[in-house]
Amino acid sequence: MTCTRCRQFDAAPGGELCRACEAEDLHPDVGPSLPQAPPVPHAAGAPQFGPGAPASWLRSPVGLGRALAILLGVVALTDLVAVWADVTMLDVLGRMADGAYGSAIEADADRADQLYAMTGTAQSVAFLATVVVFLVWFHRVRVNAEVFEPFGHSKKRGWAIGGWFVPVVNLWFPRRIAIDAWDASSPWAKPRSHGLVNAWWTFWLIGNVVSQAGTRAYARAVTADELHSATQVVLFADAFEILSAGLAVLFVLTLTRMQDDKARSGPRAPESEPVTA
């Protein structure tokens, strides 16, 4: 049920008031200084406050979301070219493993090496650019989610960036933050399923494991047979990353649209008072 006092947020379990209103009752002498639960604005405006959090403003994620979707498309395109380079390399290595030699095979090997190196560089540049924009977007939707729902987040907003770089916790902190932001950004009356978030995160984790395995195998390879086996792993990783990028685009655009729609819809409509005789 909705808080019977402010009529903006859900009541605490077993009670009739939200946590902000309960805190005001517990500390009446400092009532005005406690964080209040403001209505969600239609656009960027007055600062918003969560419990113990710095001031927040609702800022549109639309521009960042679209730019990020384009960059993710570029990542997928470089992966597609990389798949072609992998197939070319596999063809040359297979012929070398079968005993082919001479100037023709050497020329093909040189071209395959150059193509492999160029696509690797393109992948790295596209990935780094995408990471920067993604982190900015991810932090923005996390802050926006705190404006929508100040009390529904298990991780502080700083983890929206730091959670990706701290070993071990980066296996689940970003997903937890994404789920909390997703729930806070869902329509007031009908929360959205977590299926897309879970699919995106699962593919991201698997893609990272396969990519690292391919990189290590290729670095250790010496013979043509070892290089052939390592390139097969790299080929699978590049192909898998295309699917991961596609799911990431869907996740980014969906969450961006959810926040934009919710901001435009205004605050939650108050529940009607019960009719008494």
Protein backbone atom coordinates (compact mmCIF):
# COMPACT_ATOMS: atom_id res chain seq x y z
CA MET A 1 0.00 0.00 0.00
CA THR A 2 1.01 3.64 -0.42
CA CYS A 3 2.15 5.72 2.55
CA THR A 4 -0.96 7.26 4.12
CA ARG A 5 0.86 10.54 4.85
CA CYS A 6 2.98 11.56 1.84
CA ARG A 7 1.19 9.26 -0.67
CA GLN A 8 4.33 9.08 -2.81
CA PHE A 9 6.13 5.91 -1.70
CA ASP A 10 5.23 2.41 -0.56
CA ALA A 11 4.59 1.95 3.13
CA ALA A 12 7.14 0.00 5.16
CA PRO A 13 6.26 -3.68 5.67
CA GLY A 14 3.63 -4.05 8.38
CA GLY A 15 2.96 -0.31 8.63
CA GLU A 16 1.04 2.52 7.04
CA LEU A 17 3.92 5.02 6.62
CA CYS A 18 6.98 4.99 4.35
CA ARG A 19 10.43 4.95 5.94
CA ALA A 20 10.93 8.70 5.52
CA CYS A 21 7.68 9.47 7.36
CA GLU A 22 8.51 6.92 10.05
CA ALA A 23 11.88 8.64 10.54
CA GLU A 24 10.10 11.98 10.96
CA ASP A 25 7.92 10.51 13.71
CA LEU A 26 10.96 9.08 15.47
CA HIS A 27 12.77 12.44 15.37
CA PRO A 28 10.09 15.16 15.50
CA ASP A 29 12.53 17.76 16.80
CA VAL A 30 14.53 17.63 13.57
CA GLY A 31 11.65 17.00 11.23
CA PRO A 32 12.38 19.72 8.62
CA SER A 33 16.01 18.65 8.25
CA LEU A 34 15.24 15.02 7.55
CA PRO A 35 15.17 13.90 3.90
CA GLN A 36 11.68 14.15 2.58
CA ALA A 37 10.16 12.07 -0.20
CA PRO A 38 9.53 14.56 -3.01
CA PRO A 39 7.35 13.94 -6.04
CA VAL A 40 9.12 12.90 -9.21
CA PRO A 41 9.54 15.96 -11.48
CA HIS A 42 8.76 15.94 -15.17
CA ALA A 43 12.23 17.18 -16.05
CA ALA A 44 15.50 18.18 -14.45
CA GLY A 45 14.70 20.59 -11.65
CA ALA A 46 14.88 20.88 -7.91
CA PRO A 47 17.28 18.58 -6.05
CA GLN A 48 16.01 15.24 -4.81
CA PHE A 49 17.14 13.47 -1.64
CA GLY A 50 17.50 9.85 -0.66
CA PRO A 51 18.35 8.56 2.83
CA GLY A 52 21.90 9.69 3.56
CA ALA A 53 22.59 10.41 -0.12
CA PRO A 54 23.80 13.64 -1.68
CA ALA A 55 21.38 15.80 -3.60
CA SER A 56 20.09 14.23 -6.79
CA TRP A 57 18.53 15.61 -9.94
CA LEU A 58 16.53 13.74 -12.51
CA ARG A 59 18.57 14.01 -15.73
CA SER A 60 17.55 12.63 -19.09
CA PRO A 61 19.44 9.46 -20.10
CA VAL A 62 18.06 9.55 -23.66
CA GLY A 63 21.04 11.17 -25.40
CA LEU A 64 23.56 8.97 -23.61
CA GLY A 65 21.44 5.89 -24.24
CA ARG A 66 21.27 6.52 -27.96
CA ALA A 67 25.00 7.26 -28.19
CA LEU A 68 25.75 4.09 -26.24
CA ALA A 69 23.51 2.00 -28.49
CA ILE A 70 25.39 3.31 -31.54
CA LEU A 71 28.75 2.49 -29.94
CA LEU A 72 27.56 -0.99 -29.05
CA GLY A 73 26.58 -1.39 -32.71
CA VAL A 74 30.12 -0.37 -33.69
CA VAL A 75 31.47 -2.98 -31.25
CA ALA A 76 29.28 -5.62 -32.90
CA LEU A 77 30.49 -4.50 -36.34
CA THR A 78 34.16 -4.79 -35.34
CA ASP A 79 33.41 -8.23 -33.92
CA LEU A 80 31.83 -9.23 -37.21
CA VAL A 81 34.95 -8.13 -39.10
CA ALA A 82 37.04 -9.96 -36.51
CA VAL A 83 35.10 -13.16 -37.24
CA TRP A 84 36.08 -12.78 -40.88
CA ALA A 85 39.72 -12.27 -39.84
CA ASP A 86 39.51 -15.36 -37.62
CA VAL A 87 38.16 -17.48 -40.46
CA THR A 88 40.92 -16.21 -42.75
CA MET A 89 43.55 -17.04 -40.14
CA LEU A 90 42.07 -20.51 -39.60
CA ASP A 91 42.25 -21.20 -43.35
CA VAL A 92 45.94 -20.26 -43.50
CA LEU A 93 46.83 -22.17 -40.32
CA GLY A 94 44.95 -25.23 -41.54
CA ARG A 95 46.92 -25.25 -44.79
CA MET A 96 50.17 -24.84 -42.87
CA ALA A 97 49.24 -27.70 -40.53
CA ASP A 98 48.60 -29.86 -43.60
CA GLY A 99 52.16 -29.21 -44.77
CA ALA A 100 51.64 -26.45 -47.32
CA TYR A 101 54.64 -24.19 -47.84
CA GLY A 102 56.10 -21.74 -50.33
CA SER A 103 55.83 -18.07 -51.20
CA ALA A 104 52.06 -18.22 -51.72
CA ILE A 105 51.30 -19.53 -48.26
CA GLU A 106 53.76 -17.05 -46.73
CA ALA A 107 52.04 -14.15 -48.48
CA ASP A 108 48.63 -15.40 -47.29
CA ALA A 109 49.98 -15.73 -43.75
CA ASP A 110 51.30 -12.16 -43.79
CA ARG A 111 47.96 -10.81 -45.01
CA ALA A 112 46.10 -12.84 -42.37
CA ASP A 113 48.41 -11.51 -39.65
CA GLN A 114 47.88 -7.91 -40.76
CA LEU A 115 44.11 -8.32 -40.93
CA TYR A 116 44.10 -10.01 -37.53
CA ALA A 117 46.14 -7.18 -35.98
CA MET A 118 44.01 -4.42 -37.53
CA THR A 119 40.73 -5.94 -36.41
CA GLY A 120 42.12 -6.47 -32.92
CA THR A 121 43.06 -2.79 -32.72
CA ALA A 122 39.64 -1.72 -34.00
CA GLN A 123 37.95 -3.93 -31.43
CA SER A 124 40.02 -2.44 -28.59
CA VAL A 125 39.32 1.17 -29.61
CA ALA A 126 35.59 0.56 -30.01
CA PHE A 127 35.41 -1.31 -26.72
CA LEU A 128 37.24 1.37 -24.72
CA ALA A 129 35.07 4.15 -26.14
CA THR A 130 31.95 2.14 -25.32
CA VAL A 131 33.13 1.46 -21.76
CA VAL A 132 33.54 5.19 -21.06
CA VAL A 133 30.06 6.09 -22.33
CA PHE A 134 28.50 3.05 -20.67
CA LEU A 135 29.87 4.01 -17.24
CA VAL A 136 28.53 7.57 -17.59
CA TRP A 137 25.13 6.24 -18.68
CA PHE A 138 25.03 3.56 -15.98
CA HIS A 139 25.79 6.08 -13.24
CA ARG A 140 23.13 8.45 -14.56
CA VAL A 141 20.37 5.83 -14.63
CA ARG A 142 21.41 4.75 -11.12
CA VAL A 143 21.04 8.33 -9.80
CA ASN A 144 17.74 8.73 -11.66
CA ALA A 145 16.51 5.50 -10.11
CA GLU A 146 17.26 6.92 -6.66
CA VAL A 147 15.06 9.91 -7.49
CA PHE A 148 12.22 7.57 -8.46
CA GLU A 149 12.69 5.32 -5.41
CA PRO A 150 15.10 6.57 -2.70
CA PHE A 151 14.78 3.45 -0.54
CA GLY A 152 15.03 0.59 -3.03
CA HIS A 153 18.81 0.30 -3.55
CA SER A 154 21.15 -2.16 -1.86
CA LYS A 155 24.34 -0.55 -3.24
CA LYS A 156 25.40 3.09 -3.07
CA ARG A 157 25.58 5.06 -6.30
CA GLY A 158 29.41 5.05 -6.36
CA TRP A 159 29.34 1.31 -7.00
CA ALA A 160 27.71 2.00 -10.37
CA ILE A 161 31.26 2.76 -11.54
CA GLY A 162 33.52 1.20 -8.91
CA GLY A 163 31.65 -2.09 -8.93
CA TRP A 164 32.98 -2.89 -12.40
CA PHE A 165 36.64 -2.61 -11.36
CA VAL A 166 36.83 -4.28 -7.94
CA PRO A 167 37.77 -7.97 -8.33
CA VAL A 168 35.25 -10.61 -7.28
CA VAL A 169 32.45 -8.14 -6.45
CA ASN A 170 32.35 -7.18 -10.14
CA LEU A 171 30.75 -10.59 -10.70
CA TRP A 172 27.47 -9.48 -9.11
CA PHE A 173 27.51 -5.82 -7.95
CA PRO A 174 26.75 -4.34 -11.42
CA ARG A 175 23.87 -6.76 -11.91
CA ARG A 176 22.43 -5.89 -8.48
CA ILE A 177 22.64 -2.18 -9.29
CA ALA A 178 21.03 -2.79 -12.68
CA ILE A 179 18.19 -4.77 -11.09
CA ASP A 180 17.55 -2.06 -8.48
CA ALA A 181 17.56 0.65 -11.16
CA TRP A 182 15.29 -1.48 -13.35
CA ASP A 183 12.77 -1.97 -10.53
CA ALA A 184 12.80 1.71 -9.57
CA SER A 185 12.32 2.73 -13.21
CA SER A 186 9.46 0.31 -13.91
CA PRO A 187 5.94 1.70 -14.33
CA TRP A 188 4.27 2.56 -11.04
CA ALA A 189 1.46 0.06 -11.45
CA LYS A 190 3.27 -2.84 -13.19
CA PRO A 191 6.92 -3.75 -12.44
CA ARG A 192 8.86 -5.13 -15.41
CA SER A 193 10.34 -8.63 -15.53
CA HIS A 194 14.09 -9.07 -14.92
CA GLY A 195 14.46 -11.42 -17.89
CA LEU A 196 16.29 -8.98 -20.16
CA VAL A 197 18.66 -7.83 -17.39
CA ASN A 198 19.53 -11.42 -16.48
CA ALA A 199 20.08 -12.40 -20.12
CA TRP A 200 22.35 -9.40 -20.73
CA TRP A 201 24.39 -10.09 -17.59
CA THR A 202 24.70 -13.83 -18.28
CA PHE A 203 25.98 -13.24 -21.82
CA TRP A 204 28.37 -10.55 -20.52
CA LEU A 205 29.92 -12.94 -17.99
CA ILE A 206 30.20 -15.86 -20.42
CA GLY A 207 31.64 -13.62 -23.12
CA ASN A 208 34.33 -12.34 -20.75
CA VAL A 209 35.35 -15.86 -19.74
CA VAL A 210 35.57 -17.09 -23.33
CA SER A 211 37.41 -13.97 -24.50
CA GLN A 212 40.03 -14.28 -21.77
CA ALA A 213 40.45 -17.99 -22.51
CA GLY A 214 41.03 -17.27 -26.21
CA THR A 215 43.52 -14.48 -25.47
CA ARG A 216 45.55 -16.68 -23.11
CA ALA A 217 45.49 -19.64 -25.50
CA TYR A 218 46.67 -17.49 -28.41
CA ALA A 219 49.47 -15.97 -26.32
CA ARG A 220 50.76 -19.44 -25.36
CA ALA A 221 50.45 -20.97 -28.83
CA VAL A 222 53.65 -21.71 -30.74
CA THR A 223 52.99 -24.36 -33.36
CA ALA A 224 50.52 -24.12 -36.23
CA ASP A 225 48.24 -26.67 -34.54
CA GLU A 226 48.25 -24.70 -31.27
CA LEU A 227 47.56 -21.46 -33.13
CA HIS A 228 44.72 -23.16 -35.01
CA SER A 229 43.10 -24.35 -31.76
CA ALA A 230 43.54 -20.96 -30.09
CA THR A 231 42.06 -19.12 -33.07
CA GLN A 232 38.99 -21.36 -32.91
CA VAL A 233 38.41 -20.19 -29.32
CA VAL A 234 38.92 -16.56 -30.39
CA LEU A 235 36.45 -17.06 -33.24
CA PHE A 236 33.83 -18.34 -30.82
CA ALA A 237 34.50 -15.41 -28.46
CA ASP A 238 34.13 -12.84 -31.25
CA ALA A 239 30.90 -14.42 -32.49
CA PHE A 240 29.52 -14.64 -28.95
CA GLU A 241 30.34 -10.99 -28.34
CA ILE A 242 28.07 -10.00 -31.23
CA LEU A 243 25.16 -11.59 -29.37
CA SER A 244 26.26 -9.94 -26.11
CA ALA A 245 26.37 -6.53 -27.79
CA GLY A 246 22.88 -7.07 -29.19
CA LEU A 247 21.47 -7.86 -25.74
CA ALA A 248 23.31 -4.87 -24.30
CA VAL A 249 21.65 -2.60 -26.87
CA LEU A 250 18.22 -3.94 -25.88
CA PHE A 251 18.99 -3.49 -22.17
CA VAL A 252 20.28 0.08 -22.61
CA LEU A 253 17.44 1.25 -24.84
CA THR A 254 14.75 -0.42 -22.71
CA LEU A 255 15.97 1.03 -19.39
CA THR A 256 16.48 4.44 -21.02
CA ARG A 257 12.93 4.41 -22.37
CA MET A 258 11.53 3.24 -19.01
CA GLN A 259 13.15 6.16 -17.19
CA ASP A 260 12.06 8.67 -19.81
CA ASP A 261 8.46 7.39 -19.70
CA LYS A 262 8.37 7.40 -15.91
CA ALA A 263 9.76 10.92 -15.66
CA ARG A 264 7.11 12.15 -18.09
CA SER A 265 4.32 10.34 -16.24
CA GLY A 266 4.88 12.34 -13.04
CA PRO A 267 4.52 11.07 -9.45
CA ARG A 268 2.55 8.03 -8.45
CA ALA A 269 -1.17 8.77 -8.35
CA PRO A 270 -2.46 8.61 -4.76
CA GLU A 271 -4.76 5.75 -3.87
CA SER A 272 -8.38 6.68 -3.32
CA GLU A 273 -9.56 6.95 0.26
CA PRO A 274 -11.83 4.15 1.48
CA VAL A 275 -15.46 5.09 1.69
CA THR A 276 -16.82 4.97 5.26
CA ALA A 277 -20.42 4.93 6.29
